[in-house]
PDB file of N, CA and C in Angstrom:
ATOM      1  N   MET A   1      70.195  49.265  84.584  1.00  0.00           N
ATOM      2  CA  MET A   1      70.384  50.446  85.356  1.00  0.00           C
ATOM      3  C   MET A   1      71.552  50.496  85.312  1.00  0.00           C
ATOM      4  N   ASN A   2      72.840  49.338  85.050  1.00  0.00           N
ATOM      5  CA  ASN A   2      73.607  50.105  85.065  1.00  0.00           C
ATOM      6  C   ASN A   2      74.407  50.941  84.089  1.00  0.00           C
ATOM      7  N   SER A   3      73.832  50.525  82.534  1.00  0.00           N
ATOM      8  CA  SER A   3      73.749  51.562  81.493  1.00  0.00           C
ATOM      9  C   SER A   3      73.978  52.961  81.954  1.00  0.00           C
ATOM     10  N   ASN A   4      72.363  53.115  82.356  1.00  0.00           N
ATOM     11  CA  ASN A   4      72.159  54.635  82.858  1.00  0.00           C
ATOM     12  C   ASN A   4      73.016  55.199  83.645  1.00  0.00           C
ATOM     13  N   SER A   5      73.484  54.261  85.110  1.00  0.00           N
ATOM     14  CA  SER A   5      74.602  54.804  85.742  1.00  0.00           C
ATOM     15  C   SER A   5      76.188  55.234  84.875  1.00  0.00           C
ATOM     16  N   GLN A   6      76.103  54.433  83.944  1.00  0.00           N
ATOM     17  CA  GLN A   6      77.633  54.919  82.885  1.00  0.00           C
ATOM     18  C   GLN A   6      77.220  56.537  82.317  1.00  0.00           C
ATOM     19  N   SER A   7      75.740  56.214  81.831  1.00  0.00           N
ATOM     20  CA  SER A   7      75.552  57.167  80.737  1.00  0.00           C
ATOM     21  C   SER A   7      76.025  59.021  81.760  1.00  0.00           C
ATOM     22  N   ALA A   8      75.497  58.842  82.637  1.00  0.00           N
ATOM     23  CA  ALA A   8      75.639  59.658  83.982  1.00  0.00           C
ATOM     24  C   ALA A   8      76.739  60.453  84.068  1.00  0.00           C
ATOM     25  N   ASN A   9      77.678  59.596  84.202  1.00  0.00           N
ATOM     26  CA  ASN A   9      78.741  59.797  84.766  1.00  0.00           C
ATOM     27  C   ASN A   9      79.688  59.905  83.368  1.00  0.00           C
ATOM     28  N   THR A  10      79.118  59.736  82.299  1.00  0.00           N
ATOM     29  CA  THR A  10      79.966  59.842  80.797  1.00  0.00           C
ATOM     30  C   THR A  10      79.424  61.449  80.798  1.00  0.00           C
ATOM     31  N   ASP A  11      78.285  61.641  81.208  1.00  0.00           N
ATOM     32  CA  ASP A  11      77.295  63.138  81.031  1.00  0.00           C
ATOM     33  C   ASP A  11      78.031  63.747  81.988  1.00  0.00           C
ATOM     34  N   THR A  12      78.354  63.492  83.431  1.00  0.00           N
ATOM     35  CA  THR A  12      79.280  64.612  84.088  1.00  0.00           C
ATOM     36  C   THR A  12      80.836  64.630  83.761  1.00  0.00           C
ATOM     37  N   TYR A  13      81.233  64.092  83.066  1.00  0.00           N
ATOM     38  CA  TYR A  13      82.917  64.174  82.746  1.00  0.00           C
ATOM     39  C   TYR A  13      82.626  64.858  81.772  1.00  0.00           C
ATOM     40  N   SER A  14      81.967  64.705  80.418  1.00  0.00           N
ATOM     41  CA  SER A  14      81.684  65.915  79.714  1.00  0.00           C
ATOM     42  C   SER A  14      81.631  67.172  80.115  1.00  0.00           C
ATOM     43  N   GLN A  15      80.844  67.600  80.986  1.00  0.00           N
ATOM     44  CA  GLN A  15      80.022  68.802  81.101  1.00  0.00           C
ATOM     45  C   GLN A  15      81.139  69.466  82.177  1.00  0.00           C
ATOM     46  N   ARG A  16      81.954  68.593  82.777  1.00  0.00           N
ATOM     47  CA  ARG A  16      83.105  69.005  83.831  1.00  0.00           C
ATOM     48  C   ARG A  16      84.268  69.166  82.621  1.00  0.00           C
ATOM     49  N   LEU A  17      84.824  68.656  81.716  1.00  0.00           N
ATOM     50  CA  LEU A  17      85.380  68.886  80.923  1.00  0.00           C
ATOM     51  C   LEU A  17      85.128  70.211  80.026  1.00  0.00           C
ATOM     52  N   ALA A  18      83.499  70.655  79.576  1.00  0.00           N
ATOM     53  CA  ALA A  18      83.341  71.508  78.760  1.00  0.00           C
ATOM     54  C   ALA A  18      83.508  72.936  79.812  1.00  0.00           C
ATOM     55  N   ASP A  19      83.424  72.739  81.079  1.00  0.00           N
ATOM     56  CA  ASP A  19      83.682  73.929  82.289  1.00  0.00           C
ATOM     57  C   ASP A  19      85.612  74.329  82.123  1.00  0.00           C
ATOM     58  N   ILE A  20      86.434  73.291  82.137  1.00  0.00           N
ATOM     59  CA  ILE A  20      87.518  73.409  82.216  1.00  0.00           C
ATOM     60  C   ILE A  20      87.894  74.264  80.620  1.00  0.00           C
ATOM     61  N   VAL A  21      87.445  73.620  79.589  1.00  0.00           N
ATOM     62  CA  VAL A  21      87.587  74.256  78.212  1.00  0.00           C
ATOM     63  C   VAL A  21      87.455  75.957  78.438  1.00  0.00           C
ATOM     64  N   GLY A  22      86.234  75.927  78.521  1.00  0.00           N
ATOM     65  CA  GLY A  22      85.318  77.330  79.026  1.00  0.00           C
ATOM     66  C   GLY A  22      86.217  77.823  79.937  1.00  0.00           C
ATOM     67  N   THR A  23      86.604  77.868  81.008  1.00  0.00           N
ATOM     68  CA  THR A  23      87.534  78.778  81.793  1.00  0.00           C
ATOM     69  C   THR A  23      88.848  78.515  80.767  1.00  0.00           C
ATOM     70  N   ALA A  24      89.091  78.057  80.359  1.00  0.00           N
ATOM     71  CA  ALA A  24      90.891  78.078  79.933  1.00  0.00           C
ATOM     72  C   ALA A  24      90.733  79.309  78.647  1.00  0.00           C
ATOM     73  N   ILE A  25      89.350  78.946  77.933  1.00  0.00           N
ATOM     74  CA  ILE A  25      89.519  80.070  76.638  1.00  0.00           C
ATOM     75  C   ILE A  25      89.190  80.972  77.384  1.00  0.00           C
ATOM     76  N   ALA A  26      87.990  81.738  77.994  1.00  0.00           N
ATOM     77  CA  ALA A  26      88.131  82.959  79.038  1.00  0.00           C
ATOM     78  C   ALA A  26      89.470  83.750  79.967  1.00  0.00           C
ATOM     79  N   LEU A  27      89.891  83.096  80.447  1.00  0.00           N
ATOM     80  CA  LEU A  27      91.493  83.185  80.880  1.00  0.00           C
ATOM     81  C   LEU A  27      92.123  83.560  79.519  1.00  0.00           C
ATOM     82  N   LEU A  28      92.416  83.129  78.646  1.00  0.00           N
ATOM     83  CA  LEU A  28      93.041  83.382  77.097  1.00  0.00           C
ATOM     84  C   LEU A  28      92.500  84.818  77.082  1.00  0.00           C
ATOM     85  N   THR A  29      91.199  84.565  76.537  1.00  0.00           N
ATOM     86  CA  THR A  29      90.448  85.815  76.186  1.00  0.00           C
ATOM     87  C   THR A  29      90.903  86.943  76.822  1.00  0.00           C
ATOM     88  N   LEU A  30      91.018  87.346  77.976  1.00  0.00           N
ATOM     89  CA  LEU A  30      91.116  88.001  79.438  1.00  0.00           C
ATOM     90  C   LEU A  30      92.667  88.382  79.053  1.00  0.00           C
ATOM     91  N   THR A  31      93.386  87.182  79.379  1.00  0.00           N
ATOM     92  CA  THR A  31      94.870  87.494  80.057  1.00  0.00           C
ATOM     93  C   THR A  31      96.182  87.902  78.218  1.00  0.00           C
ATOM     94  N   LEU A  32      95.602  87.590  77.533  1.00  0.00           N
ATOM     95  CA  LEU A  32      96.747  87.376  76.632  1.00  0.00           C
ATOM     96  C   LEU A  32      96.548  88.400  75.686  1.00  0.00           C
ATOM     97  N   PRO A  33      95.539  89.196  75.357  1.00  0.00           N
ATOM     98  CA  PRO A  33      95.539  90.502  74.916  1.00  0.00           C
ATOM     99  C   PRO A  33      96.135  91.452  75.484  1.00  0.00           C
ATOM    100  N   VAL A  34      96.234  91.434  76.482  1.00  0.00           N
ATOM    101  CA  VAL A  34      96.522  92.261  77.767  1.00  0.00           C
ATOM    102  C   VAL A  34      98.358  92.535  78.043  1.00  0.00           C
ATOM    103  N   PHE A  35      98.881  91.221  77.911  1.00  0.00           N
ATOM    104  CA  PHE A  35     100.391  90.781  77.250  1.00  0.00           C
ATOM    105  C   PHE A  35     100.939  91.278  76.017  1.00  0.00           C
ATOM    106  N   VAL A  36     100.092  90.680  75.106  1.00  0.00           N
ATOM    107  CA  VAL A  36     100.627  91.349  73.418  1.00  0.00           C
ATOM    108  C   VAL A  36     100.964  92.406  73.643  1.00  0.00           C
ATOM    109  N   ILE A  37      99.281  93.389  74.064  1.00  0.00           N
ATOM    110  CA  ILE A  37      99.406  94.886  74.178  1.00  0.00           C
ATOM    111  C   ILE A  37     101.125  95.207  74.543  1.00  0.00           C
ATOM    112  N   GLY A  38     100.822  94.701  76.048  1.00  0.00           N
ATOM    113  CA  GLY A  38     102.042  95.195  76.742  1.00  0.00           C
ATOM    114  C   GLY A  38     103.850  94.550  76.397  1.00  0.00           C
ATOM    115  N   HIS A  39     103.569  93.959  75.565  1.00  0.00           N
ATOM    116  CA  HIS A  39     104.849  93.536  75.084  1.00  0.00           C
ATOM    117  C   HIS A  39     105.194  94.325  73.795  1.00  0.00           C
ATOM    118  N   TYR A  40     104.280  94.524  72.926  1.00  0.00           N
ATOM    119  CA  TYR A  40     104.483  95.329  71.224  1.00  0.00           C
ATOM    120  C   TYR A  40     104.468  96.349  71.991  1.00  0.00           C
ATOM    121  N   SER A  41     104.194  97.249  72.954  1.00  0.00           N
ATOM    122  CA  SER A  41     104.012  98.670  72.728  1.00  0.00           C
ATOM    123  C   SER A  41     105.096  99.070  73.997  1.00  0.00           C
ATOM    124  N   SER A  42     105.950  98.319  74.723  1.00  0.00           N
ATOM    125  CA  SER A  42     106.621  99.039  75.386  1.00  0.00           C
ATOM    126  C   SER A  42     108.205  98.404  74.884  1.00  0.00           C
ATOM    127  N   THR A  43     108.087  98.264  73.468  1.00  0.00           N
ATOM    128  CA  THR A  43     109.073  98.027  72.342  1.00  0.00           C
ATOM    129  C   THR A  43     109.187  99.464  71.709  1.00  0.00           C
ATOM    130  N   ASN A  44     108.286  99.974  71.772  1.00  0.00           N
ATOM    131  CA  ASN A  44     108.029 101.081  70.544  1.00  0.00           C
ATOM    132  C   ASN A  44     108.485 102.068  71.381  1.00  0.00           C
ATOM    133  N   VAL A  45     108.034 102.325  72.532  1.00  0.00           N
ATOM    134  CA  VAL A  45     107.838 103.827  73.015  1.00  0.00           C
ATOM    135  C   VAL A  45     108.909 104.435  73.039  1.00  0.00           C
ATOM    136  N   GLN A  46     108.609 105.583  72.417  1.00  0.00           N
ATOM    137  CA  GLN A  46     109.880 106.856  72.770  1.00  0.00           C
ATOM    138  C   GLN A  46     109.545 107.791  73.568  1.00  0.00           C
ATOM    139  N   ILE A  47     110.449 108.232  74.161  1.00  0.00           N
ATOM    140  CA  ILE A  47     110.592 109.211  75.439  1.00  0.00           C
ATOM    141  C   ILE A  47     111.145 110.477  74.521  1.00  0.00           C
ATOM    142  N   ASN A  48     110.374 111.408  74.680  1.00  0.00           N
ATOM    143  CA  ASN A  48     110.778 112.911  74.654  1.00  0.00           C
ATOM    144  C   ASN A  48     110.936 113.608  75.553  1.00  0.00           C
ATOM    145  N   GLN A  49     112.264 114.035  76.125  1.00  0.00           N
ATOM    146  CA  GLN A  49     112.089 114.691  77.849  1.00  0.00           C
ATOM    147  C   GLN A  49     112.643 115.753  77.161  1.00  0.00           C
ATOM    148  N   GLN A  50     112.576 116.952  77.476  1.00  0.00           N
ATOM    149  CA  GLN A  50     112.969 118.041  77.452  1.00  0.00           C
ATOM    150  C   GLN A  50     114.097 118.000  78.572  1.00  0.00           C
ATOM    151  N   PRO A  51     115.251 118.870  78.099  1.00  0.00           N
ATOM    152  CA  PRO A  51     116.302 118.615  78.715  1.00  0.00           C
ATOM    153  C   PRO A  51     116.360 119.487  79.916  1.00  0.00           C
ATOM    154  N   LEU A  52     116.632 119.124  80.887  1.00  0.00           N
ATOM    155  CA  LEU A  52     116.825 119.787  82.699  1.00  0.00           C
ATOM    156  C   LEU A  52     117.506 121.017  82.642  1.00  0.00           C
ATOM    157  N   VAL A  53     118.199 121.015  82.127  1.00  0.00           N
ATOM    158  CA  VAL A  53     119.484 122.394  82.516  1.00  0.00           C
ATOM    159  C   VAL A  53     119.481 122.737  80.936  1.00  0.00           C
ATOM    160  N   GLN A  54     118.962 123.871  81.066  1.00  0.00           N
ATOM    161  CA  GLN A  54     119.180 124.466  79.696  1.00  0.00           C
ATOM    162  C   GLN A  54     120.714 125.563  79.689  1.00  0.00           C
ATOM    163  N   ASN A  55     121.454 125.394  78.517  1.00  0.00           N
ATOM    164  CA  ASN A  55     122.547 126.320  78.829  1.00  0.00           C
ATOM    165  C   ASN A  55     122.325 127.847  78.478  1.00  0.00           C
ATOM    166  N   PHE A  56     122.987 128.894  78.967  1.00  0.00           N
ATOM    167  CA  PHE A  56     122.577 130.513  78.980  1.00  0.00           C
ATOM    168  C   PHE A  56     124.186 130.483  79.214  1.00  0.00           C
ATOM    169  N   LYS A  57     124.366 131.821  78.032  1.00  0.00           N
ATOM    170  CA  LYS A  57     125.765 132.197  77.327  1.00  0.00           C
ATOM    171  C   LYS A  57     125.323 133.770  78.221  1.00  0.00           C
ATOM    172  N   GLY A  58     126.626 133.769  78.979  1.00  0.00           N
ATOM    173  CA  GLY A  58     126.536 134.825  79.977  1.00  0.00           C
ATOM    174  C   GLY A  58     128.121 135.432  79.455  1.00  0.00           C
ATOM    175  N   SER A  59     128.044 136.380  80.163  1.00  0.00           N
ATOM    176  CA  SER A  59     129.605 137.482  79.676  1.00  0.00           C
ATOM    177  C   SER A  59     130.917 137.176  81.336  1.00  0.00           C
ATOM    178  N   GLN A  60     131.878 136.702  80.576  1.00  0.00           N
ATOM    179  CA  GLN A  60     132.499 136.355  82.103  1.00  0.00           C
ATOM    180  C   GLN A  60     133.507 137.472  82.027  1.00  0.00           C
ATOM    181  N   ASP A  61     133.515 137.876  83.566  1.00  0.00           N
ATOM    182  CA  ASP A  61     134.123 138.665  83.710  1.00  0.00           C
ATOM    183  C   ASP A  61     135.381 138.902  83.556  1.00  0.00           C
TER     184      ASP A  61
END
């Protein structure tokens, strides 16, 4: 009987460890690409803005 209870504890520990590792992998899979895309896209963005004020040549009196 004693060996059966030890086996049950080992199985529970293995199941718990597998759940933790699986959760960590899932979180990395979901969050890591977002951070990588955000990191590399923010450094390569080129801002092409039109000037707000246009210079007009006018006659001076």
